[in-house]
């Protein structure tokens, strides 16, 4: 069976991007969320928000 990257319907806080990435790589979505927050903070926040918004638009539900 082929794995596909999709936004999570069950484990979502905003759009389900981090939940979907966590499900795809079989890791806890909380770790993905924390990593995303830390990377956003260390890159001045704004690029991380743009990347999340683009991922929300590109990754299907």
N, C-alpha and C. Protein backbone atom coordinates (compact mmCIF):
# COMPACT_ATOMS: atom_id res chain seq x y z
N UNK A 1 0.84 -1.18 0.00
CA UNK A 1 0.00 0.00 0.00
C UNK A 1 0.88 1.25 0.00
N UNK A 2 0.55 2.19 -0.81
CA UNK A 2 1.34 3.40 -0.96
C UNK A 2 0.90 4.46 0.05
N UNK A 3 1.89 5.06 0.73
CA UNK A 3 1.58 6.13 1.67
C UNK A 3 1.50 7.45 0.91
N UNK A 4 0.52 8.27 1.28
CA UNK A 4 0.39 9.59 0.68
C UNK A 4 0.35 10.63 1.78
N UNK A 5 0.98 11.74 1.51
CA UNK A 5 0.98 12.84 2.46
C UNK A 5 -0.34 13.59 2.35
N UNK A 6 -1.07 13.64 3.46
CA UNK A 6 -2.36 14.32 3.52
C UNK A 6 -2.46 15.07 4.84
N UNK A 7 -3.25 16.14 4.83
CA UNK A 7 -3.53 16.83 6.08
C UNK A 7 -4.41 15.93 6.94
N UNK A 8 -4.18 15.96 8.23
CA UNK A 8 -4.94 15.12 9.15
C UNK A 8 -6.33 15.70 9.37
N UNK A 9 -7.31 14.83 9.37
CA UNK A 9 -8.68 15.24 9.68
C UNK A 9 -8.92 15.06 11.18
N UNK A 10 -8.29 14.05 11.77
CA UNK A 10 -8.51 13.72 13.17
C UNK A 10 -7.63 14.55 14.09
N UNK A 11 -6.33 14.63 13.78
CA UNK A 11 -5.37 15.30 14.66
C UNK A 11 -4.99 16.66 14.07
N UNK A 12 -5.86 17.64 14.25
CA UNK A 12 -5.60 18.96 13.71
C UNK A 12 -5.79 20.00 14.80
N UNK A 13 -4.94 21.01 14.73
CA UNK A 13 -5.06 22.16 15.62
C UNK A 13 -5.51 23.37 14.82
N UNK A 14 -4.88 23.59 13.66
CA UNK A 14 -5.29 24.70 12.79
C UNK A 14 -5.80 24.12 11.48
N UNK A 15 -4.91 23.60 10.67
CA UNK A 15 -5.31 23.04 9.37
C UNK A 15 -4.99 21.56 9.23
N UNK A 16 -4.26 20.98 10.17
CA UNK A 16 -3.93 19.56 10.11
C UNK A 16 -2.64 19.24 9.38
N UNK A 17 -1.84 20.26 9.07
CA UNK A 17 -0.59 20.04 8.33
C UNK A 17 0.39 19.23 9.19
N UNK A 18 0.64 19.67 10.40
CA UNK A 18 1.61 18.97 11.27
C UNK A 18 1.11 17.57 11.64
N UNK A 19 -0.19 17.43 11.84
CA UNK A 19 -0.76 16.11 12.12
C UNK A 19 -0.58 15.17 10.95
N UNK A 20 -0.76 15.67 9.74
CA UNK A 20 -0.57 14.85 8.55
C UNK A 20 0.87 14.45 8.35
N UNK A 21 1.80 15.38 8.61
CA UNK A 21 3.23 15.07 8.49
C UNK A 21 3.62 14.03 9.54
N UNK A 22 3.10 14.16 10.74
CA UNK A 22 3.37 13.18 11.79
C UNK A 22 2.84 11.81 11.45
N UNK A 23 1.64 11.74 10.88
CA UNK A 23 1.08 10.45 10.47
C UNK A 23 1.89 9.83 9.34
N UNK A 24 2.36 10.65 8.42
CA UNK A 24 3.13 10.15 7.27
C UNK A 24 4.45 9.53 7.72
N UNK A 25 5.14 10.17 8.66
CA UNK A 25 6.43 9.67 9.12
C UNK A 25 6.33 8.80 10.37
N UNK A 26 5.12 8.49 10.82
CA UNK A 26 4.87 7.67 12.01
C UNK A 26 5.57 8.21 13.25
N UNK A 27 5.46 9.52 13.46
CA UNK A 27 5.97 10.13 14.68
C UNK A 27 4.85 10.95 15.31
N UNK A 28 5.05 11.31 16.55
CA UNK A 28 4.05 12.07 17.28
C UNK A 28 3.89 13.45 16.65
N UNK A 29 2.68 13.86 16.30
CA UNK A 29 2.48 15.19 15.71
C UNK A 29 2.90 16.34 16.61
N UNK A 30 2.93 16.11 17.92
CA UNK A 30 3.38 17.15 18.84
C UNK A 30 4.85 17.48 18.59
N UNK A 31 5.65 16.49 18.27
CA UNK A 31 7.07 16.71 17.97
C UNK A 31 7.19 17.54 16.69
N UNK A 32 6.36 17.25 15.71
CA UNK A 32 6.38 18.02 14.46
C UNK A 32 5.98 19.46 14.74
N UNK A 33 4.95 19.65 15.56
CA UNK A 33 4.51 21.02 15.90
C UNK A 33 5.59 21.79 16.63
N UNK A 34 6.23 21.15 17.59
CA UNK A 34 7.32 21.81 18.33
C UNK A 34 8.47 22.17 17.40
N UNK A 35 8.83 21.26 16.52
CA UNK A 35 9.90 21.53 15.56
C UNK A 35 9.55 22.69 14.66
N UNK A 36 8.30 22.74 14.22
CA UNK A 36 7.85 23.83 13.34
C UNK A 36 7.91 25.17 14.07
N UNK A 37 7.49 25.17 15.34
CA UNK A 37 7.53 26.41 16.14
C UNK A 37 8.97 26.87 16.34
N UNK A 38 9.86 25.96 16.71
CA UNK A 38 11.25 26.34 16.93
C UNK A 38 11.91 26.85 15.65
N UNK A 39 11.66 26.17 14.53
CA UNK A 39 12.22 26.64 13.27
C UNK A 39 11.64 28.00 12.87
N UNK A 40 10.37 28.21 13.15
CA UNK A 40 9.75 29.51 12.84
C UNK A 40 10.33 30.62 13.71
N UNK A 41 10.55 30.33 14.97
CA UNK A 41 11.10 31.34 15.87
C UNK A 41 12.53 31.70 15.50
N UNK A 42 13.33 30.69 15.12
CA UNK A 42 14.72 30.95 14.78
C UNK A 42 14.89 31.55 13.39
N UNK A 43 13.83 31.55 12.59
CA UNK A 43 13.89 32.19 11.28
C UNK A 43 13.01 33.44 11.27
N UNK A 44 12.90 34.08 12.40
CA UNK A 44 12.13 35.32 12.56
C UNK A 44 10.63 35.14 12.41
N UNK A 45 10.12 33.91 12.50
CA UNK A 45 8.69 33.67 12.54
C UNK A 45 7.95 33.76 11.22
N UNK A 46 8.18 34.79 10.46
CA UNK A 46 7.40 35.04 9.27
C UNK A 46 7.54 33.97 8.19
N UNK A 47 8.76 33.49 7.86
CA UNK A 47 8.87 32.43 6.84
C UNK A 47 8.17 31.13 7.25
N UNK A 48 8.16 30.83 8.54
CA UNK A 48 7.48 29.63 9.01
C UNK A 48 5.98 29.71 8.83
N UNK A 49 5.41 30.89 9.04
CA UNK A 49 3.98 31.08 8.83
C UNK A 49 3.61 30.99 7.35
N UNK A 50 4.46 31.55 6.50
CA UNK A 50 4.21 31.46 5.06
C UNK A 50 4.30 30.01 4.60
N UNK A 51 5.30 29.27 5.10
CA UNK A 51 5.46 27.87 4.72
C UNK A 51 4.25 27.05 5.18
N UNK A 52 3.73 27.33 6.37
CA UNK A 52 2.57 26.60 6.87
C UNK A 52 1.35 26.89 6.00
N UNK A 53 1.16 28.15 5.64
CA UNK A 53 0.02 28.52 4.80
C UNK A 53 0.11 27.87 3.42
N UNK A 54 1.31 27.85 2.84
CA UNK A 54 1.49 27.21 1.54
C UNK A 54 1.26 25.71 1.65
N UNK A 55 1.76 25.08 2.73
CA UNK A 55 1.53 23.64 2.93
C UNK A 55 0.05 23.36 3.10
N UNK A 56 -0.66 24.26 3.76
CA UNK A 56 -2.10 24.10 3.94
C UNK A 56 -2.82 24.11 2.59
N UNK A 57 -2.34 24.93 1.68
CA UNK A 57 -2.98 25.02 0.37
C UNK A 57 -2.61 23.84 -0.55
N UNK A 58 -1.36 23.35 -0.41
CA UNK A 58 -0.86 22.34 -1.34
C UNK A 58 -1.25 20.92 -0.91
N UNK A 59 -1.14 20.62 0.37
CA UNK A 59 -1.39 19.25 0.85
C UNK A 59 -2.89 19.00 0.91
N UNK A 60 -3.38 17.96 0.25
CA UNK A 60 -4.83 17.70 0.27
C UNK A 60 -5.29 17.11 1.60
N UNK A 61 -6.59 17.21 1.86
CA UNK A 61 -7.15 16.63 3.09
C UNK A 61 -7.30 15.15 2.95
